[in-house]
Amino acid sequence: VELSNAVPALKNGQIDGFVTAGSYPAPNVIEAA
């Protein structure tokens, strides 16, 4: 799955987690949390 789809994939139970690298706080981690 593309990293851009990580948050919805996590929300829908398609994945158990994801790895991302960027400056913190990371926008996709904020969204997921």
All heavy atoms as atom14 arrays in JSON, in Angstrom:
{
  "sequence": "VELSNAVPALKNGQIDGFVTAGSYPAPNVIEAA",
  "atom14_mask": [
    [1, 1, 1, 1, 1, 1, 1, 0, 0, 0, 0, 0, 0, 0],
    [1, 1, 1, 1, 1, 1, 1, 1, 1, 0, 0, 0, 0, 0],
    [1, 1, 1, 1, 1, 1, 1, 1, 0, 0, 0, 0, 0, 0],
    [1, 1, 1, 1, 1, 1, 0, 0, 0, 0, 0, 0, 0, 0],
    [1, 1, 1, 1, 1, 1, 1, 1, 0, 0, 0, 0, 0, 0],
    [1, 1, 1, 1, 1, 0, 0, 0, 0, 0, 0, 0, 0, 0],
    [1, 1, 1, 1, 1, 1, 1, 0, 0, 0, 0, 0, 0, 0],
    [1, 1, 1, 1, 1, 1, 1, 0, 0, 0, 0, 0, 0, 0],
    [1, 1, 1, 1, 1, 0, 0, 0, 0, 0, 0, 0, 0, 0],
    [1, 1, 1, 1, 1, 1, 1, 1, 0, 0, 0, 0, 0, 0],
    [1, 1, 1, 1, 1, 1, 1, 1, 1, 0, 0, 0, 0, 0],
    [1, 1, 1, 1, 1, 1, 1, 1, 0, 0, 0, 0, 0, 0],
    [1, 1, 1, 1, 0, 0, 0, 0, 0, 0, 0, 0, 0, 0],
    [1, 1, 1, 1, 1, 1, 1, 1, 1, 0, 0, 0, 0, 0],
    [1, 1, 1, 1, 1, 1, 1, 1, 0, 0, 0, 0, 0, 0],
    [1, 1, 1, 1, 1, 1, 1, 1, 0, 0, 0, 0, 0, 0],
    [1, 1, 1, 1, 0, 0, 0, 0, 0, 0, 0, 0, 0, 0],
    [1, 1, 1, 1, 1, 1, 1, 1, 1, 1, 1, 0, 0, 0],
    [1, 1, 1, 1, 1, 1, 1, 0, 0, 0, 0, 0, 0, 0],
    [1, 1, 1, 1, 1, 1, 1, 0, 0, 0, 0, 0, 0, 0],
    [1, 1, 1, 1, 1, 0, 0, 0, 0, 0, 0, 0, 0, 0],
    [1, 1, 1, 1, 0, 0, 0, 0, 0, 0, 0, 0, 0, 0],
    [1, 1, 1, 1, 1, 1, 0, 0, 0, 0, 0, 0, 0, 0],
    [1, 1, 1, 1, 1, 1, 1, 1, 1, 1, 1, 1, 0, 0],
    [1, 1, 1, 1, 1, 1, 1, 0, 0, 0, 0, 0, 0, 0],
    [1, 1, 1, 1, 1, 0, 0, 0, 0, 0, 0, 0, 0, 0],
    [1, 1, 1, 1, 1, 1, 1, 0, 0, 0, 0, 0, 0, 0],
    [1, 1, 1, 1, 1, 1, 1, 1, 0, 0, 0, 0, 0, 0],
    [1, 1, 1, 1, 1, 1, 1, 0, 0, 0, 0, 0, 0, 0],
    [1, 1, 1, 1, 1, 1, 1, 1, 0, 0, 0, 0, 0, 0],
    [1, 1, 1, 1, 1, 1, 1, 1, 1, 0, 0, 0, 0, 0],
    [1, 1, 1, 1, 1, 0, 0, 0, 0, 0, 0, 0, 0, 0],
    [1, 1, 1, 1, 1, 0, 0, 0, 0, 0, 0, 0, 0, 0]
  ],
  "atom14_positions": [
    [[0.86, -1.19, 0.0], [0.0, 0.0, 0.0], [0.9, 1.23, 0.0], [1.97, 1.23, 0.62], [-0.92, 0.03, 1.25], [-1.85, 1.24, 1.21], [-1.73, -1.26, 1.35], [0.0, 0.0, 0.0], [0.0, 0.0, 0.0], [0.0, 0.0, 0.0], [0.0, 0.0, 0.0], [0.0, 0.0, 0.0], [0.0, 0.0, 0.0], [0.0, 0.0, 0.0]],
    [[0.5, 2.28, -0.7], [1.28, 3.52, -0.71], [1.24, 4.16, 0.68], [0.21, 4.12, 1.37], [0.72, 4.49, -1.75], [0.91, 4.03, -3.19], [2.37, 3.95, -3.6], [3.18, 4.74, -3.07], [2.7, 3.1, -4.43], [0.0, 0.0, 0.0], [0.0, 0.0, 0.0], [0.0, 0.0, 0.0], [0.0, 0.0, 0.0], [0.0, 0.0, 0.0]],
    [[2.34, 4.79, 1.06], [2.41, 5.42, 2.37], [1.34, 6.5, 2.54], [0.85, 6.74, 3.64], [3.8, 6.02, 2.59], [4.07, 6.62, 3.99], [3.91, 5.55, 5.07], [5.47, 7.22, 4.05], [0.0, 0.0, 0.0], [0.0, 0.0, 0.0], [0.0, 0.0, 0.0], [0.0, 0.0, 0.0], [0.0, 0.0, 0.0], [0.0, 0.0, 0.0]],
    [[0.96, 7.13, 1.44], [-0.07, 8.18, 1.5], [-1.42, 7.63, 1.97], [-2.28, 8.38, 2.43], [-0.23, 8.86, 0.14], [-0.56, 7.9, -0.86], [0.0, 0.0, 0.0], [0.0, 0.0, 0.0], [0.0, 0.0, 0.0], [0.0, 0.0, 0.0], [0.0, 0.0, 0.0], [0.0, 0.0, 0.0], [0.0, 0.0, 0.0], [0.0, 0.0, 0.0]],
    [[-1.59, 6.3, 1.86], [-2.84, 5.66, 2.28], [-2.71, 4.98, 3.64], [-3.59, 4.21, 4.04], [-3.27, 4.62, 1.23], [-3.61, 5.26, -0.1], [-4.19, 6.33, -0.15], [-3.23, 4.6, -1.19], [0.0, 0.0, 0.0], [0.0, 0.0, 0.0], [0.0, 0.0, 0.0], [0.0, 0.0, 0.0], [0.0, 0.0, 0.0], [0.0, 0.0, 0.0]],
    [[-1.63, 5.25, 4.36], [-1.36, 4.55, 5.61], [-2.45, 4.78, 6.66], [-2.89, 3.83, 7.32], [0.0, 4.98, 6.16], [0.0, 0.0, 0.0], [0.0, 0.0, 0.0], [0.0, 0.0, 0.0], [0.0, 0.0, 0.0], [0.0, 0.0, 0.0], [0.0, 0.0, 0.0], [0.0, 0.0, 0.0], [0.0, 0.0, 0.0], [0.0, 0.0, 0.0]],
    [[-2.86, 6.02, 6.82], [-3.83, 6.33, 7.89], [-5.18, 5.65, 7.64], [-5.7, 4.97, 8.53], [-3.97, 7.85, 8.08], [-5.06, 8.15, 9.11], [-2.64, 8.46, 8.52], [0.0, 0.0, 0.0], [0.0, 0.0, 0.0], [0.0, 0.0, 0.0], [0.0, 0.0, 0.0], [0.0, 0.0, 0.0], [0.0, 0.0, 0.0], [0.0, 0.0, 0.0]],
    [[-5.78, 5.8, 6.44], [-7.04, 5.09, 6.22], [-6.89, 3.57, 6.28], [-7.8, 2.87, 6.74], [-7.48, 5.56, 4.83], [-6.28, 6.18, 4.21], [-5.47, 6.71, 5.32], [0.0, 0.0, 0.0], [0.0, 0.0, 0.0], [0.0, 0.0, 0.0], [0.0, 0.0, 0.0], [0.0, 0.0, 0.0], [0.0, 0.0, 0.0], [0.0, 0.0, 0.0]],
    [[-5.74, 3.06, 5.82], [-5.51, 1.61, 5.88], [-5.45, 1.12, 7.32], [-5.97, 0.04, 7.65], [-4.22, 1.25, 5.14], [0.0, 0.0, 0.0], [0.0, 0.0, 0.0], [0.0, 0.0, 0.0], [0.0, 0.0, 0.0], [0.0, 0.0, 0.0], [0.0, 0.0, 0.0], [0.0, 0.0, 0.0], [0.0, 0.0, 0.0], [0.0, 0.0, 0.0]],
    [[-4.85, 1.91, 8.19], [-4.79, 1.56, 9.61], [-6.18, 1.63, 10.24], [-6.58, 0.75, 11.0], [-3.83, 2.51, 10.34], [-3.58, 2.22, 11.83], [-2.87, 0.88, 11.99], [-2.75, 3.34, 12.47], [0.0, 0.0, 0.0], [0.0, 0.0, 0.0], [0.0, 0.0, 0.0], [0.0, 0.0, 0.0], [0.0, 0.0, 0.0], [0.0, 0.0, 0.0]],
    [[-6.9, 2.67, 9.89], [-8.25, 2.86, 10.43], [-9.19, 1.74, 10.0], [-10.03, 1.28, 10.79], [-8.8, 4.22, 9.97], [-10.16, 4.56, 10.54], [-10.6, 5.94, 10.1], [-11.94, 6.31, 10.71], [-12.38, 7.69, 10.28], [0.0, 0.0, 0.0], [0.0, 0.0, 0.0], [0.0, 0.0, 0.0], [0.0, 0.0, 0.0], [0.0, 0.0, 0.0]],
    [[-9.03, 1.26, 8.76], [-9.91, 0.21, 8.24], [-9.44, -1.2, 8.6], [-10.07, -2.18, 8.19], [-10.01, 0.33, 6.71], [-10.66, 1.64, 6.29], [-11.46, 2.2, 7.02], [-10.3, 2.12, 5.09], [0.0, 0.0, 0.0], [0.0, 0.0, 0.0], [0.0, 0.0, 0.0], [0.0, 0.0, 0.0], [0.0, 0.0, 0.0], [0.0, 0.0, 0.0]],
    [[-8.34, -1.3, 9.32], [-7.86, -2.61, 9.74], [-7.11, -3.37, 8.68], [-6.86, -4.58, 8.83], [0.0, 0.0, 0.0], [0.0, 0.0, 0.0], [0.0, 0.0, 0.0], [0.0, 0.0, 0.0], [0.0, 0.0, 0.0], [0.0, 0.0, 0.0], [0.0, 0.0, 0.0], [0.0, 0.0, 0.0], [0.0, 0.0, 0.0], [0.0, 0.0, 0.0]],
    [[-6.72, -2.69, 7.6], [-5.97, -3.36, 6.54], [-4.53, -3.62, 6.95], [-3.88, -4.53, 6.42], [-5.99, -2.52, 5.26], [-7.36, -2.35, 4.64], [-7.33, -1.36, 3.48], [-7.51, -0.16, 3.65], [-7.08, -1.88, 2.29], [0.0, 0.0, 0.0], [0.0, 0.0, 0.0], [0.0, 0.0, 0.0], [0.0, 0.0, 0.0], [0.0, 0.0, 0.0]],
    [[-4.02, -2.8, 7.84], [-2.66, -2.95, 8.35], [-2.67, -2.8, 9.87], [-3.62, -2.26, 10.45], [-1.69, -1.9, 7.73], [-2.17, -0.47, 8.04], [-1.53, -2.12, 6.24], [-1.21, 0.61, 7.59], [0.0, 0.0, 0.0], [0.0, 0.0, 0.0], [0.0, 0.0, 0.0], [0.0, 0.0, 0.0], [0.0, 0.0, 0.0], [0.0, 0.0, 0.0]],
    [[-1.61, -3.29, 10.5], [-1.47, -3.16, 11.96], [-0.64, -1.94, 12.34], [-0.66, -1.5, 13.49], [-0.83, -4.41, 12.54], [-1.69, -5.65, 12.33], [-2.84, -5.65, 12.8], [-1.21, -6.61, 11.68], [0.0, 0.0, 0.0], [0.0, 0.0, 0.0], [0.0, 0.0, 0.0], [0.0, 0.0, 0.0], [0.0, 0.0, 0.0], [0.0, 0.0, 0.0]],
    [[0.11, -1.43, 11.36], [0.95, -0.28, 11.65], [1.66, 0.2, 10.4], [1.57, -0.42, 9.34], [0.0, 0.0, 0.0], [0.0, 0.0, 0.0], [0.0, 0.0, 0.0], [0.0, 0.0, 0.0], [0.0, 0.0, 0.0], [0.0, 0.0, 0.0], [0.0, 0.0, 0.0], [0.0, 0.0, 0.0], [0.0, 0.0, 0.0], [0.0, 0.0, 0.0]],
    [[2.39, 1.31, 10.55], [3.15, 1.83, 9.41], [4.41, 2.52, 9.91], [4.52, 2.9, 11.08], [2.32, 2.77, 8.55], [1.85, 4.04, 9.23], [2.61, 5.21, 9.18], [0.62, 4.08, 9.89], [2.18, 6.37, 9.8], [0.18, 5.24, 10.51], [0.95, 6.39, 10.45], [0.0, 0.0, 0.0], [0.0, 0.0, 0.0], [0.0, 0.0, 0.0]],
    [[5.36, 2.65, 9.0], [6.63, 3.31, 9.3], [6.71, 4.6, 8.49], [6.44, 4.58, 7.28], [7.83, 2.39, 8.95], [9.15, 3.11, 9.25], [7.74, 1.09, 9.72], [0.0, 0.0, 0.0], [0.0, 0.0, 0.0], [0.0, 0.0, 0.0], [0.0, 0.0, 0.0], [0.0, 0.0, 0.0], [0.0, 0.0, 0.0], [0.0, 0.0, 0.0]],
    [[7.08, 5.66, 9.13], [7.21, 6.93, 8.42], [8.39, 7.71, 8.99], [8.73, 7.56, 10.17], [5.91, 7.76, 8.52], [6.02, 8.92, 7.69], [5.63, 8.2, 9.94], [0.0, 0.0, 0.0], [0.0, 0.0, 0.0], [0.0, 0.0, 0.0], [0.0, 0.0, 0.0], [0.0, 0.0, 0.0], [0.0, 0.0, 0.0], [0.0, 0.0, 0.0]],
    [[9.01, 8.51, 8.15], [10.13, 9.34, 8.6], [9.88, 10.77, 8.15], [9.52, 11.02, 7.0], [11.45, 8.84, 8.02], [0.0, 0.0, 0.0], [0.0, 0.0, 0.0], [0.0, 0.0, 0.0], [0.0, 0.0, 0.0], [0.0, 0.0, 0.0], [0.0, 0.0, 0.0], [0.0, 0.0, 0.0], [0.0, 0.0, 0.0], [0.0, 0.0, 0.0]],
    [[10.05, 11.69, 9.05], [9.86, 13.1, 8.74], [10.07, 13.91, 9.99], [10.32, 13.37, 11.06], [0.0, 0.0, 0.0], [0.0, 0.0, 0.0], [0.0, 0.0, 0.0], [0.0, 0.0, 0.0], [0.0, 0.0, 0.0], [0.0, 0.0, 0.0], [0.0, 0.0, 0.0], [0.0, 0.0, 0.0], [0.0, 0.0, 0.0], [0.0, 0.0, 0.0]],
    [[9.97, 15.21, 9.86], [10.12, 16.06, 11.03], [8.95, 15.8, 11.97], [7.83, 15.53, 11.54], [10.11, 17.52, 10.6], [8.98, 17.78, 9.79], [0.0, 0.0, 0.0], [0.0, 0.0, 0.0], [0.0, 0.0, 0.0], [0.0, 0.0, 0.0], [0.0, 0.0, 0.0], [0.0, 0.0, 0.0], [0.0, 0.0, 0.0], [0.0, 0.0, 0.0]],
    [[9.23, 15.82, 13.27], [8.13, 15.62, 14.21], [7.64, 16.97, 14.72], [8.42, 17.91, 14.81], [8.56, 14.7, 15.36], [9.33, 15.38, 16.49], [8.64, 15.99, 17.55], [10.72, 15.42, 16.5], [9.34, 16.62, 18.58], [11.42, 16.03, 17.52], [10.73, 16.64, 18.57], [11.41, 17.27, 19.58], [0.0, 0.0, 0.0], [0.0, 0.0, 0.0]],
    [[6.35, 17.09, 15.04], [5.32, 16.07, 14.9], [4.93, 15.86, 13.44], [4.7, 16.81, 12.71], [4.15, 16.65, 15.71], [4.37, 18.13, 15.7], [5.86, 18.33, 15.67], [0.0, 0.0, 0.0], [0.0, 0.0, 0.0], [0.0, 0.0, 0.0], [0.0, 0.0, 0.0], [0.0, 0.0, 0.0], [0.0, 0.0, 0.0], [0.0, 0.0, 0.0]],
    [[4.9, 14.59, 13.03], [4.61, 14.23, 11.64], [3.1, 14.33, 11.38], [2.31, 13.79, 12.15], [5.1, 12.81, 11.36], [0.0, 0.0, 0.0], [0.0, 0.0, 0.0], [0.0, 0.0, 0.0], [0.0, 0.0, 0.0], [0.0, 0.0, 0.0], [0.0, 0.0, 0.0], [0.0, 0.0, 0.0], [0.0, 0.0, 0.0], [0.0, 0.0, 0.0]],
    [[2.71, 15.01, 10.29], [1.28, 15.18, 10.01], [0.48, 13.89, 9.95], [-0.63, 13.82, 10.48], [1.29, 15.9, 8.65], [2.58, 16.64, 8.64], [3.55, 15.74, 9.34], [0.0, 0.0, 0.0], [0.0, 0.0, 0.0], [0.0, 0.0, 0.0], [0.0, 0.0, 0.0], [0.0, 0.0, 0.0], [0.0, 0.0, 0.0], [0.0, 0.0, 0.0]],
    [[1.05, 12.84, 9.31], [0.28, 11.59, 9.21], [0.16, 10.88, 10.56], [-0.83, 10.19, 10.82], [0.87, 10.65, 8.15], [2.35, 10.39, 8.32], [3.01, 10.96, 9.19], [2.9, 9.53, 7.48], [0.0, 0.0, 0.0], [0.0, 0.0, 0.0], [0.0, 0.0, 0.0], [0.0, 0.0, 0.0], [0.0, 0.0, 0.0], [0.0, 0.0, 0.0]],
    [[1.13, 11.08, 11.44], [1.04, 10.49, 12.79], [0.02, 11.28, 13.63], [-0.74, 10.69, 14.4], [2.41, 10.46, 13.48], [2.31, 9.79, 14.85], [3.43, 9.71, 12.62], [0.0, 0.0, 0.0], [0.0, 0.0, 0.0], [0.0, 0.0, 0.0], [0.0, 0.0, 0.0], [0.0, 0.0, 0.0], [0.0, 0.0, 0.0], [0.0, 0.0, 0.0]],
    [[0.0, 12.59, 13.47], [-1.0, 13.41, 14.16], [-2.4, 12.96, 13.76], [-3.29, 12.78, 14.61], [-0.81, 14.9, 13.81], [0.49, 15.44, 14.4], [-1.99, 15.73, 14.31], [0.81, 16.87, 14.0], [0.0, 0.0, 0.0], [0.0, 0.0, 0.0], [0.0, 0.0, 0.0], [0.0, 0.0, 0.0], [0.0, 0.0, 0.0], [0.0, 0.0, 0.0]],
    [[-2.59, 12.76, 12.46], [-3.89, 12.35, 11.94], [-4.29, 10.98, 12.48], [-5.44, 10.77, 12.91], [-3.86, 12.32, 10.41], [-5.19, 11.95, 9.77], [-5.11, 11.85, 8.25], [-4.03, 12.14, 7.69], [-6.12, 11.47, 7.64], [0.0, 0.0, 0.0], [0.0, 0.0, 0.0], [0.0, 0.0, 0.0], [0.0, 0.0, 0.0], [0.0, 0.0, 0.0]],
    [[-3.34, 10.04, 12.47], [-3.64, 8.69, 12.95], [-3.94, 8.68, 14.44], [-4.86, 8.0, 14.91], [-2.47, 7.76, 12.64], [0.0, 0.0, 0.0], [0.0, 0.0, 0.0], [0.0, 0.0, 0.0], [0.0, 0.0, 0.0], [0.0, 0.0, 0.0], [0.0, 0.0, 0.0], [0.0, 0.0, 0.0], [0.0, 0.0, 0.0], [0.0, 0.0, 0.0]],
    [[-3.17, 9.45, 15.21], [-3.36, 9.49, 16.66], [-4.7, 10.11, 17.03], [-5.36, 9.67, 17.98], [-2.22, 10.27, 17.3], [0.0, 0.0, 0.0], [0.0, 0.0, 0.0], [0.0, 0.0, 0.0], [0.0, 0.0, 0.0], [0.0, 0.0, 0.0], [0.0, 0.0, 0.0], [0.0, 0.0, 0.0], [0.0, 0.0, 0.0], [0.0, 0.0, 0.0]]
  ]
}
